[in-house]
C-alpha atoms as a PDB file:
ATOM      1  CA  MET A   1     -30.244 -28.513  -6.614  1.00  0.00           C
ATOM      2  CA  SER A   2     -29.078 -30.326  -3.785  1.00  0.00           C
ATOM      3  CA  GLN A   3     -29.436 -29.466  -0.390  1.00  0.00           C
ATOM      4  CA  SER A   4     -25.808 -29.799  -0.576  1.00  0.00           C
ATOM      5  CA  SER A   5     -25.365 -27.255  -3.381  1.00  0.00           C
ATOM      6  CA  GLU A   6     -27.949 -24.879  -1.903  1.00  0.00           C
ATOM      7  CA  GLU A   7     -25.730 -24.432   1.432  1.00  0.00           C
ATOM      8  CA  ASP A   8     -22.396 -24.002  -0.677  1.00  0.00           C
ATOM      9  CA  VAL A   9     -24.510 -21.180  -2.454  1.00  0.00           C
ATOM     10  CA  VAL A  10     -25.674 -19.385   0.351  1.00  0.00           C
ATOM     11  CA  GLN A  11     -22.249 -19.649   1.825  1.00  0.00           C
ATOM     12  CA  ALA A  12     -20.782 -18.158  -1.410  1.00  0.00           C
ATOM     13  CA  MET A  13     -23.306 -15.201  -0.889  1.00  0.00           C
ATOM     14  CA  GLN A  14     -22.277 -14.681   2.952  1.00  0.00           C
ATOM     15  CA  ASP A  15     -18.591 -15.098   2.388  1.00  0.00           C
ATOM     16  CA  TRP A  16     -18.579 -12.382  -0.626  1.00  0.00           C
ATOM     17  CA  TRP A  17     -18.302  -9.682   1.845  1.00  0.00           C
ATOM     18  CA  LYS A  18     -17.259 -11.405   4.981  1.00  0.00           C
ATOM     19  CA  THR A  19     -15.793  -8.819   7.189  1.00  0.00           C
ATOM     20  CA  ASN A  20     -14.215  -8.716  10.659  1.00  0.00           C
ATOM     21  CA  ILE A  21     -15.385  -5.359  11.668  1.00  0.00           C
ATOM     22  CA  ILE A  22     -19.301  -5.651  11.885  1.00  0.00           C
ATOM     23  CA  ASP A  23     -21.618  -7.991  12.903  1.00  0.00           C
ATOM     24  CA  MET A  24     -25.150  -6.640  12.081  1.00  0.00           C
ATOM     25  CA  GLN A  25     -28.092  -8.786  11.985  1.00  0.00           C
ATOM     26  CA  PRO A  26     -32.197  -7.535  12.640  1.00  0.00           C
ATOM     27  CA  GLY A  27     -31.874  -5.444  15.859  1.00  0.00           C
ATOM     28  CA  VAL A  28     -27.876  -6.422  16.443  1.00  0.00           C
ATOM     29  CA  ILE A  29     -25.152  -4.354  15.517  1.00  0.00           C
ATOM     30  CA  ARG A  30     -22.056  -5.275  16.843  1.00  0.00           C
ATOM     31  CA  TYR A  31     -17.884  -3.957  16.121  1.00  0.00           C
ATOM     32  CA  SER A  32     -15.153  -6.763  16.656  1.00  0.00           C
ATOM     33  CA  GLY A  33     -17.794  -8.188  19.162  1.00  0.00           C
ATOM     34  CA  TYR A  34     -18.992  -5.027  21.017  1.00  0.00           C
ATOM     35  CA  ALA A  35     -22.260  -4.356  20.945  1.00  0.00           C
ATOM     36  CA  VAL A  36     -23.381  -0.337  19.967  1.00  0.00           C
ATOM     37  CA  GLU A  37     -25.733  -0.349  22.640  1.00  0.00           C
ATOM     38  CA  ASP A  38     -22.968  -0.938  24.619  1.00  0.00           C
ATOM     39  CA  LEU A  39     -20.147   1.510  23.205  1.00  0.00           C
ATOM     40  CA  ILE A  40     -22.366   4.506  22.755  1.00  0.00           C
ATOM     41  CA  GLY A  41     -21.656   7.145  25.703  1.00  0.00           C
ATOM     42  CA  GLN A  42     -18.538   4.933  26.940  1.00  0.00           C
ATOM     43  CA  VAL A  43     -15.881   5.370  24.380  1.00  0.00           C
ATOM     44  CA  SER A  44     -14.719   8.570  22.377  1.00  0.00           C
ATOM     45  CA  PHE A  45     -14.913   8.655  18.765  1.00  0.00           C
ATOM     46  CA  ALA A  46     -11.157   8.253  18.806  1.00  0.00           C
ATOM     47  CA  GLN A  47     -11.556   4.596  20.381  1.00  0.00           C
ATOM     48  CA  MET A  48     -14.362   3.901  17.497  1.00  0.00           C
ATOM     49  CA  ALA A  49     -11.642   4.717  14.926  1.00  0.00           C
ATOM     50  CA  TRP A  50      -9.065   1.910  16.524  1.00  0.00           C
ATOM     51  CA  LEU A  51     -11.652  -0.230  16.972  1.00  0.00           C
ATOM     52  CA  LEU A  52     -12.637  -0.553  13.751  1.00  0.00           C
ATOM     53  CA  THR A  53      -9.360  -0.402  12.024  1.00  0.00           C
ATOM     54  CA  ARG A  54      -7.198  -2.741  14.864  1.00  0.00           C
ATOM     55  CA  GLY A  55     -10.195  -4.977  16.302  1.00  0.00           C
ATOM     56  CA  GLU A  56      -9.552  -4.071  19.668  1.00  0.00           C
ATOM     57  CA  LEU A  57     -10.098  -1.038  21.885  1.00  0.00           C
ATOM     58  CA  PRO A  58      -7.222   1.098  23.114  1.00  0.00           C
ATOM     59  CA  ASP A  59      -6.642   1.902  26.341  1.00  0.00           C
ATOM     60  CA  LYS A  60      -7.469   5.771  27.435  1.00  0.00           C
ATOM     61  CA  ALA A  61      -3.903   6.675  27.444  1.00  0.00           C
ATOM     62  CA  GLN A  62      -3.515   5.442  23.716  1.00  0.00           C
ATOM     63  CA  ALA A  63      -6.682   7.030  22.520  1.00  0.00           C
ATOM     64  CA  ASP A  64      -5.747  10.385  23.908  1.00  0.00           C
ATOM     65  CA  LEU A  65      -2.609  10.185  22.001  1.00  0.00           C
ATOM     66  CA  LEU A  66      -4.334   9.526  18.978  1.00  0.00           C
ATOM     67  CA  GLU A  67      -7.028  12.124  19.770  1.00  0.00           C
ATOM     68  CA  ALA A  68      -4.559  15.081  19.701  1.00  0.00           C
ATOM     69  CA  ALA A  69      -2.827  13.904  16.805  1.00  0.00           C
ATOM     70  CA  LEU A  70      -6.433  14.492  15.016  1.00  0.00           C
ATOM     71  CA  VAL A  71      -7.042  17.404  16.764  1.00  0.00           C
ATOM     72  CA  ALA A  72      -3.691  18.844  15.603  1.00  0.00           C
ATOM     73  CA  GLY A  73      -4.627  18.050  12.075  1.00  0.00           C
ATOM     74  CA  VAL A  74      -7.982  19.659  11.204  1.00  0.00           C
ATOM     75  CA  ASP A  75      -7.371  22.407   9.824  1.00  0.00           C
ATOM     76  CA  HIS A  76      -5.047  24.915   7.823  1.00  0.00           C
ATOM     77  CA  GLY A  77      -7.090  27.832   6.327  1.00  0.00           C
ATOM     78  CA  PRO A  78      -8.320  28.163   2.989  1.00  0.00           C
ATOM     79  CA  GLN A  79      -5.103  28.580   1.309  1.00  0.00           C
ATOM     80  CA  ALA A  80      -4.532  24.492   1.811  1.00  0.00           C
ATOM     81  CA  PRO A  81      -6.290  22.968  -1.615  1.00  0.00           C
ATOM     82  CA  SER A  82      -8.338  20.753   0.132  1.00  0.00           C
ATOM     83  CA  ILE A  83     -10.013  23.506   2.025  1.00  0.00           C
ATOM     84  CA  ALA A  84     -10.156  25.925  -1.209  1.00  0.00           C
ATOM     85  CA  ILE A  85     -11.717  22.836  -3.069  1.00  0.00           C
ATOM     86  CA  ALA A  86     -14.530  22.638  -0.095  1.00  0.00           C
ATOM     87  CA  ARG A  87     -15.125  26.236  -0.285  1.00  0.00           C
ATOM     88  CA  MET A  88     -15.021  26.608  -4.489  1.00  0.00           C
ATOM     89  CA  ALA A  89     -17.496  22.963  -4.341  1.00  0.00           C
ATOM     90  CA  ALA A  90     -19.857  24.960  -1.527  1.00  0.00           C
ATOM     91  CA  THR A  91     -20.255  27.847  -4.470  1.00  0.00           C
ATOM     92  CA  CYS A  92     -21.592  25.513  -7.228  1.00  0.00           C
ATOM     93  CA  GLY A  93     -25.049  24.438  -5.735  1.00  0.00           C
ATOM     94  CA  VAL A  94     -23.427  20.707  -4.649  1.00  0.00           C
ATOM     95  CA  GLY A  95     -24.597  19.544  -1.148  1.00  0.00           C
ATOM     96  CA  ILE A  96     -22.420  19.254   1.435  1.00  0.00           C
ATOM     97  CA  ASN A  97     -21.264  15.861   0.979  1.00  0.00           C
ATOM     98  CA  ASN A  98     -20.202  16.454  -2.371  1.00  0.00           C
ATOM     99  CA  ALA A  99     -18.011  19.527  -0.924  1.00  0.00           C
ATOM    100  CA  MET A 100     -16.527  17.293   1.385  1.00  0.00           C
ATOM    101  CA  ALA A 101     -15.763  14.586  -1.109  1.00  0.00           C
ATOM    102  CA  SER A 102     -14.407  16.988  -3.711  1.00  0.00           C
ATOM    103  CA  ALA A 103     -11.901  18.245  -0.732  1.00  0.00           C
ATOM    104  CA  VAL A 104     -10.648  14.875   0.608  1.00  0.00           C
ATOM    105  CA  ASN A 105     -10.242  13.489  -3.032  1.00  0.00           C
ATOM    106  CA  VAL A 106      -7.065  15.814  -3.181  1.00  0.00           C
ATOM    107  CA  LEU A 107      -5.448  14.805  -0.172  1.00  0.00           C
ATOM    108  CA  GLY A 108      -2.568  12.541  -2.067  1.00  0.00           C
ATOM    109  CA  ASP A 109       0.935  12.005  -2.240  1.00  0.00           C
ATOM    110  CA  VAL A 110       1.674  16.176  -2.436  1.00  0.00           C
ATOM    111  CA  HIS A 111      -1.057  17.623  -0.363  1.00  0.00           C
ATOM    112  CA  GLY A 112      -2.125  15.251   2.482  1.00  0.00           C
ATOM    113  CA  GLY A 113       0.477  12.119   2.231  1.00  0.00           C
ATOM    114  CA  ALA A 114       3.088  13.061   3.843  1.00  0.00           C
ATOM    115  CA  GLY A 115       2.126  11.881   6.950  1.00  0.00           C
ATOM    116  CA  GLU A 116       2.050   8.520   5.430  1.00  0.00           C
ATOM    117  CA  GLN A 117       5.365   8.913   3.910  1.00  0.00           C
ATOM    118  CA  ALA A 118       6.817   9.951   7.163  1.00  0.00           C
ATOM    119  CA  VAL A 119       5.898   6.722   9.144  1.00  0.00           C
ATOM    120  CA  THR A 120       6.955   4.681   6.143  1.00  0.00           C
ATOM    121  CA  LEU A 121      10.670   6.549   6.422  1.00  0.00           C
ATOM    122  CA  TYR A 122      10.691   6.149  10.344  1.00  0.00           C
ATOM    123  CA  HIS A 123       9.663   2.439   9.538  1.00  0.00           C
ATOM    124  CA  GLN A 124      12.674   2.026   7.037  1.00  0.00           C
ATOM    125  CA  ILE A 125      15.208   3.986   9.591  1.00  0.00           C
ATOM    126  CA  MET A 126      14.416   1.926  12.121  1.00  0.00           C
ATOM    127  CA  GLN A 127      14.886  -1.540  10.690  1.00  0.00           C
ATOM    128  CA  HIS A 128      17.508  -0.605   9.104  1.00  0.00           C
ATOM    129  CA  ALA A 129      19.454   0.326  12.697  1.00  0.00           C
ATOM    130  CA  GLN A 130      17.699  -3.044  14.238  1.00  0.00           C
ATOM    131  CA  GLU A 131      19.406  -5.247  11.243  1.00  0.00           C
ATOM    132  CA  ALA A 132      22.571  -3.647  11.071  1.00  0.00           C
ATOM    133  CA  ARG A 133      22.814  -3.258  14.520  1.00  0.00           C
ATOM    134  CA  GLN A 134      23.578   0.791  14.338  1.00  0.00           C
ATOM    135  CA  PRO A 135      22.468   3.873  16.278  1.00  0.00           C
ATOM    136  CA  LEU A 136      19.539   5.582  14.395  1.00  0.00           C
ATOM    137  CA  ASN A 137      22.153   8.230  12.911  1.00  0.00           C
ATOM    138  CA  ALA A 138      24.205   6.090  11.437  1.00  0.00           C
ATOM    139  CA  ALA A 139      21.350   4.204  10.022  1.00  0.00           C
ATOM    140  CA  CYS A 140      19.959   7.986   8.759  1.00  0.00           C
ATOM    141  CA  ASN A 141      23.547   8.372   7.076  1.00  0.00           C
ATOM    142  CA  ASP A 142      22.561   4.985   5.369  1.00  0.00           C
ATOM    143  CA  ILE A 143      18.759   5.440   4.407  1.00  0.00           C
ATOM    144  CA  LEU A 144      18.303   9.056   3.788  1.00  0.00           C
ATOM    145  CA  PRO A 145      20.663  10.194   0.962  1.00  0.00           C
ATOM    146  CA  ASP A 146      18.723   7.197  -1.092  1.00  0.00           C
ATOM    147  CA  TRP A 147      15.447   8.675   0.057  1.00  0.00           C
ATOM    148  CA  LEU A 148      16.452  12.146  -1.189  1.00  0.00           C
ATOM    149  CA  ALA A 149      17.913  10.716  -4.618  1.00  0.00           C
ATOM    150  CA  GLU A 150      14.299   9.248  -5.006  1.00  0.00           C
ATOM    151  CA  HIS A 151      11.762  11.427  -3.347  1.00  0.00           C
ATOM    152  CA  HIS A 152      13.828  14.858  -3.472  1.00  0.00           C
ATOM    153  CA  PHE A 153      12.316  15.717   0.237  1.00  0.00           C
ATOM    154  CA  VAL A 154      12.277  14.384   3.633  1.00  0.00           C
ATOM    155  CA  PRO A 155       8.413  13.890   4.600  1.00  0.00           C
ATOM    156  CA  GLY A 156       7.432  15.782   7.533  1.00  0.00           C
ATOM    157  CA  PHE A 157      10.160  18.286   7.764  1.00  0.00           C
ATOM    158  CA  GLY A 158       9.637  22.070   7.142  1.00  0.00           C
ATOM    159  CA  HIS A 159       6.878  24.086   6.310  1.00  0.00           C
ATOM    160  CA  ARG A 160       6.505  27.059   4.148  1.00  0.00           C
ATOM    161  CA  PHE A 161       4.485  29.119   6.307  1.00  0.00           C
ATOM    162  CA  HIS A 162       5.286  28.657   9.853  1.00  0.00           C
ATOM    163  CA  PRO A 163       9.284  28.668  10.733  1.00  0.00           C
ATOM    164  CA  VAL A 164       8.177  26.628  13.569  1.00  0.00           C
ATOM    165  CA  ASP A 165       4.716  24.728  13.268  1.00  0.00           C
ATOM    166  CA  PRO A 166       3.380  25.272  16.366  1.00  0.00           C
ATOM    167  CA  ARG A 167       1.482  21.784  16.290  1.00  0.00           C
ATOM    168  CA  ALA A 168       4.793  19.792  16.557  1.00  0.00           C
ATOM    169  CA  PRO A 169       6.490  20.711  19.397  1.00  0.00           C
ATOM    170  CA  ARG A 170       3.256  20.219  21.445  1.00  0.00           C
ATOM    171  CA  LEU A 171       2.857  16.752  19.943  1.00  0.00           C
ATOM    172  CA  LEU A 172       5.920  15.492  20.908  1.00  0.00           C
ATOM    173  CA  ALA A 173       5.826  16.863  24.041  1.00  0.00           C
ATOM    174  CA  LEU A 174       2.799  14.669  24.508  1.00  0.00           C
ATOM    175  CA  VAL A 175       4.825  11.488  22.805  1.00  0.00           C
ATOM    176  CA  ASP A 176       7.362  11.854  25.558  1.00  0.00           C
ATOM    177  CA  ASP A 177       5.072  12.377  28.286  1.00  0.00           C
ATOM    178  CA  ALA A 178       3.240   8.867  26.811  1.00  0.00           C
ATOM    179  CA  ALA A 179       6.584   7.290  26.830  1.00  0.00           C
ATOM    180  CA  LYS A 180       7.271   7.962  30.658  1.00  0.00           C
ATOM    181  CA  GLN A 181       3.801   6.504  31.495  1.00  0.00           C
ATOM    182  CA  GLY A 182       4.707   3.213  29.553  1.00  0.00           C
ATOM    183  CA  THR A 183       1.896   4.031  26.887  1.00  0.00           C
ATOM    184  CA  VAL A 184       4.432   4.139  24.117  1.00  0.00           C
ATOM    185  CA  SER A 185       7.924   3.101  23.422  1.00  0.00           C
ATOM    186  CA  GLY A 186       8.987   6.508  22.705  1.00  0.00           C
ATOM    187  CA  ASP A 187      11.683   5.248  19.476  1.00  0.00           C
ATOM    188  CA  PHE A 188       9.582   6.507  16.907  1.00  0.00           C
ATOM    189  CA  ALA A 189      10.237   9.921  18.339  1.00  0.00           C
ATOM    190  CA  GLN A 190      14.020   9.647  19.009  1.00  0.00           C
ATOM    191  CA  CYS A 191      13.777   8.545  15.358  1.00  0.00           C
ATOM    192  CA  ALA A 192      12.361  11.968  13.812  1.00  0.00           C
ATOM    193  CA  ARG A 193      14.538  13.787  16.462  1.00  0.00           C
ATOM    194  CA  VAL A 194      17.836  12.503  14.815  1.00  0.00           C
ATOM    195  CA  VAL A 195      16.493  12.730  11.621  1.00  0.00           C
ATOM    196  CA  GLU A 196      15.862  16.633  11.894  1.00  0.00           C
ATOM    197  CA  ASP A 197      19.667  16.700  13.665  1.00  0.00           C
ATOM    198  CA  TRP A 198      20.360  14.868  10.281  1.00  0.00           C
ATOM    199  CA  LEU A 199      18.791  17.306   8.317  1.00  0.00           C
ATOM    200  CA  TYR A 200      20.449  20.396  10.466  1.00  0.00           C
ATOM    201  CA  ALA A 201      24.094  18.694   9.956  1.00  0.00           C
ATOM    202  CA  HIS A 202      23.786  18.156   5.528  1.00  0.00           C
ATOM    203  CA  LYS A 203      21.440  21.211   4.821  1.00  0.00           C
ATOM    204  CA  GLY A 204      23.446  24.292   7.421  1.00  0.00           C
ATOM    205  CA  ARG A 205      20.184  25.091   8.501  1.00  0.00           C
ATOM    206  CA  ARG A 206      17.369  24.024  10.940  1.00  0.00           C
ATOM    207  CA  ILE A 207      14.339  22.182   9.530  1.00  0.00           C
ATOM    208  CA  PRO A 208      12.033  21.770  12.265  1.00  0.00           C
ATOM    209  CA  MET A 209       9.861  18.872  12.670  1.00  0.00           C
ATOM    210  CA  ASN A 210       6.107  19.420  11.602  1.00  0.00           C
ATOM    211  CA  ILE A 211       2.942  18.632  11.767  1.00  0.00           C
ATOM    212  CA  ASP A 212       3.232  15.236   9.300  1.00  0.00           C
ATOM    213  CA  GLY A 213       6.273  14.356  10.975  1.00  0.00           C
ATOM    214  CA  ALA A 214       5.157  14.896  14.570  1.00  0.00           C
ATOM    215  CA  SER A 215       1.531  13.339  13.952  1.00  0.00           C
ATOM    216  CA  ALA A 216       3.447  10.449  12.139  1.00  0.00           C
ATOM    217  CA  VAL A 217       5.286   9.909  15.274  1.00  0.00           C
ATOM    218  CA  ILE A 218       2.091   9.251  17.146  1.00  0.00           C
ATOM    219  CA  TYR A 219       0.705   6.898  14.017  1.00  0.00           C
ATOM    220  CA  ALA A 220       3.630   4.938  14.413  1.00  0.00           C
ATOM    221  CA  GLU A 221       4.285   4.824  18.060  1.00  0.00           C
ATOM    222  CA  LEU A 222       0.801   3.589  18.507  1.00  0.00           C
ATOM    223  CA  GLY A 223       1.023   0.843  15.836  1.00  0.00           C
ATOM    224  CA  PHE A 224      -0.784   2.264  12.754  1.00  0.00           C
ATOM    225  CA  ALA A 225       0.210   0.805   9.368  1.00  0.00           C
ATOM    226  CA  PRO A 226       1.728   4.011   6.905  1.00  0.00           C
ATOM    227  CA  THR A 227      -1.532   3.859   4.949  1.00  0.00           C
ATOM    228  CA  LEU A 228      -3.583   4.138   7.943  1.00  0.00           C
ATOM    229  CA  ALA A 229      -1.621   7.496   8.874  1.00  0.00           C
ATOM    230  CA  ARG A 230      -2.851   8.953   5.866  1.00  0.00           C
ATOM    231  CA  GLY A 231      -6.274   8.046   6.241  1.00  0.00           C
ATOM    232  CA  LEU A 232      -6.587   9.105   9.475  1.00  0.00           C
ATOM    233  CA  PHE A 233      -5.270  12.491   8.265  1.00  0.00           C
ATOM    234  CA  CYS A 234      -8.279  12.420   6.447  1.00  0.00           C
ATOM    235  CA  ILE A 235     -10.608  12.242   8.982  1.00  0.00           C
ATOM    236  CA  SER A 236      -8.849  14.708  11.215  1.00  0.00           C
ATOM    237  CA  ARG A 237      -9.052  17.056   7.698  1.00  0.00           C
ATOM    238  CA  SER A 238     -12.880  15.998   7.133  1.00  0.00           C
ATOM    239  CA  VAL A 239     -13.361  18.408  10.346  1.00  0.00           C
ATOM    240  CA  GLY A 240     -12.038  21.537   8.806  1.00  0.00           C
ATOM    241  CA  ILE A 241     -13.315  20.583   5.571  1.00  0.00           C
ATOM    242  CA  LEU A 242     -16.829  20.241   6.779  1.00  0.00           C
ATOM    243  CA  ALA A 243     -16.751  23.778   8.612  1.00  0.00           C
ATOM    244  CA  HIS A 244     -15.535  25.909   5.622  1.00  0.00           C
ATOM    245  CA  ALA A 245     -17.891  24.085   3.473  1.00  0.00           C
ATOM    246  CA  TRP A 246     -20.730  24.947   5.641  1.00  0.00           C
ATOM    247  CA  GLU A 247     -19.417  28.315   6.514  1.00  0.00           C
ATOM    248  CA  GLN A 248     -19.202  29.095   2.732  1.00  0.00           C
ATOM    249  CA  SER A 249     -22.330  27.523   2.013  1.00  0.00           C
ATOM    250  CA  GLN A 250     -23.979  30.175   4.164  1.00  0.00           C
ATOM    251  CA  GLU A 251     -22.469  33.471   2.533  1.00  0.00           C
ATOM    252  CA  GLY A 252     -24.953  32.967  -0.161  1.00  0.00           C
ATOM    253  CA  GLN A 253     -22.131  32.976  -2.958  1.00  0.00           C
ATOM    254  CA  ARG A 254     -22.710  31.701  -6.423  1.00  0.00           C
ATOM    255  CA  ASN A 255     -19.440  29.885  -8.746  1.00  0.00           C
ATOM    256  CA  LYS A 256     -16.861  31.429  -6.760  1.00  0.00           C
ATOM    257  CA  GLY A 257     -13.452  30.662  -8.605  1.00  0.00           C
ATOM    258  CA  PRO A 258     -10.157  30.726  -6.991  1.00  0.00           C
ATOM    259  CA  ILE A 259      -9.411  34.401  -7.226  1.00  0.00           C
ATOM    260  CA  PRO A 260     -11.578  37.209  -7.502  1.00  0.00           C
ATOM    261  CA  ARG A 261     -13.416  37.951 -10.692  1.00  0.00           C
ATOM    262  CA  GLN A 262     -12.079  41.571 -10.957  1.00  0.00           C
ATOM    263  CA  TYR A 263      -8.534  39.563 -10.940  1.00  0.00           C
ATOM    264  CA  ILE A 264      -7.495  38.058 -14.576  1.00  0.00           C
ATOM    265  CA  TRP A 265      -4.887  35.359 -14.761  1.00  0.00           C
ATOM    266  CA  ASN A 266      -2.263  36.278 -16.562  1.00  0.00           C
ATOM    267  CA  TYR A 267      -2.073  34.659 -20.095  1.00  0.00           C
ATOM    268  CA  THR A 268       1.435  33.030 -21.253  1.00  0.00           C
ATOM    269  CA  GLY A 269       0.579  31.744 -25.051  1.00  0.00           C
ATOM    270  CA  THR A 270       0.673  32.794 -28.280  1.00  0.00           C
ATOM    271  CA  PRO A 271      -0.067  36.706 -28.704  1.00  0.00           C
ATOM    272  CA  SER A 272      -2.913  37.962 -30.576  1.00  0.00           C
ATOM    273  CA  ARG A 273      -3.161  36.793 -34.132  1.00  0.00           C
ATOM    274  CA  ASP A 274      -5.734  36.996 -37.371  1.00  0.00           C
ATOM    275  CA  LEU A 275      -7.126  33.796 -38.611  1.00  0.00           C
ATOM    276  CA  PRO A 276      -5.044  32.576 -41.846  1.00  0.00           C
ATOM    277  CA  GLU A 277      -6.948  33.649 -44.976  1.00  0.00           C
ATOM    278  CA  GLU A 278      -7.535  30.573 -46.133  1.00  0.00           C
ATOM    279  CA  GLN A 279      -9.591  29.729 -43.057  1.00  0.00           C
ATOM    280  CA  ALA A 280     -10.919  32.548 -42.912  1.00  0.00           C
ATOM    281  CA  GLY A 281     -12.405  32.597 -46.554  1.00  0.00           C
ATOM    282  CA  GLU A 282     -14.173  28.664 -45.629  1.00  0.00           C
ATOM    283  CA  GLN A 283     -16.463  30.367 -42.951  1.00  0.00           C
ATOM    284  CA  PRO A 284     -20.126  30.768 -44.149  1.00  0.00           C
END
């Protein structure tokens, strides 16, 4: 093999997993150029999440707003499927990482995906308003009927437990403060409020913004792509998943199912019946 071809092979191997995220060599770890020893003790976990996904460090005001969204979504109790799954998995003799993975794996379009969907919707409304040179309420009139026809609900609004989700007003207040300071534009917060007003006008009742809609405002204001909004929610909810898996593992229960064992599910199939004679006669 010639020296040129050897160099090509080495280059091809090094390019196999090429990345802008981390430079790691013996004795050296850098994230987007920053030495890990300089970051440790100097930046927050939220700043590190931003750095690894965006390639630059946020300023403190941006990081504080991101952290607020992460704090708000950490847990919603064992009735949430992801938390219930973590607790059940913990009673099956698996490690805590297995219980956490089982829980995170169900954070999909229905449970856990509304934040990503809300960011997507906000972007569609904002883009349509700009392109059509319309106010946001007119853009909602154009976008939301088609969205509802396809998806049957507007993500980020309404909650099956809370008449008003206590997390949403607090997050929006922080966005408003950040907009006054120039940290964010406030445009997506305005868009979300117009969506809420549109729903009231067309449904005849107030459907308040929930945690997904409010955290989506923050992710959109900070410039995160919709897909990253779901990933950030997974990071947030993993804290609650960890806590519940750990708590359950300390209780010593085994094979704990979704309902207490003294209760049996309702059977809705065919009533009790005898095996046909021709089948029964074949048995040894």
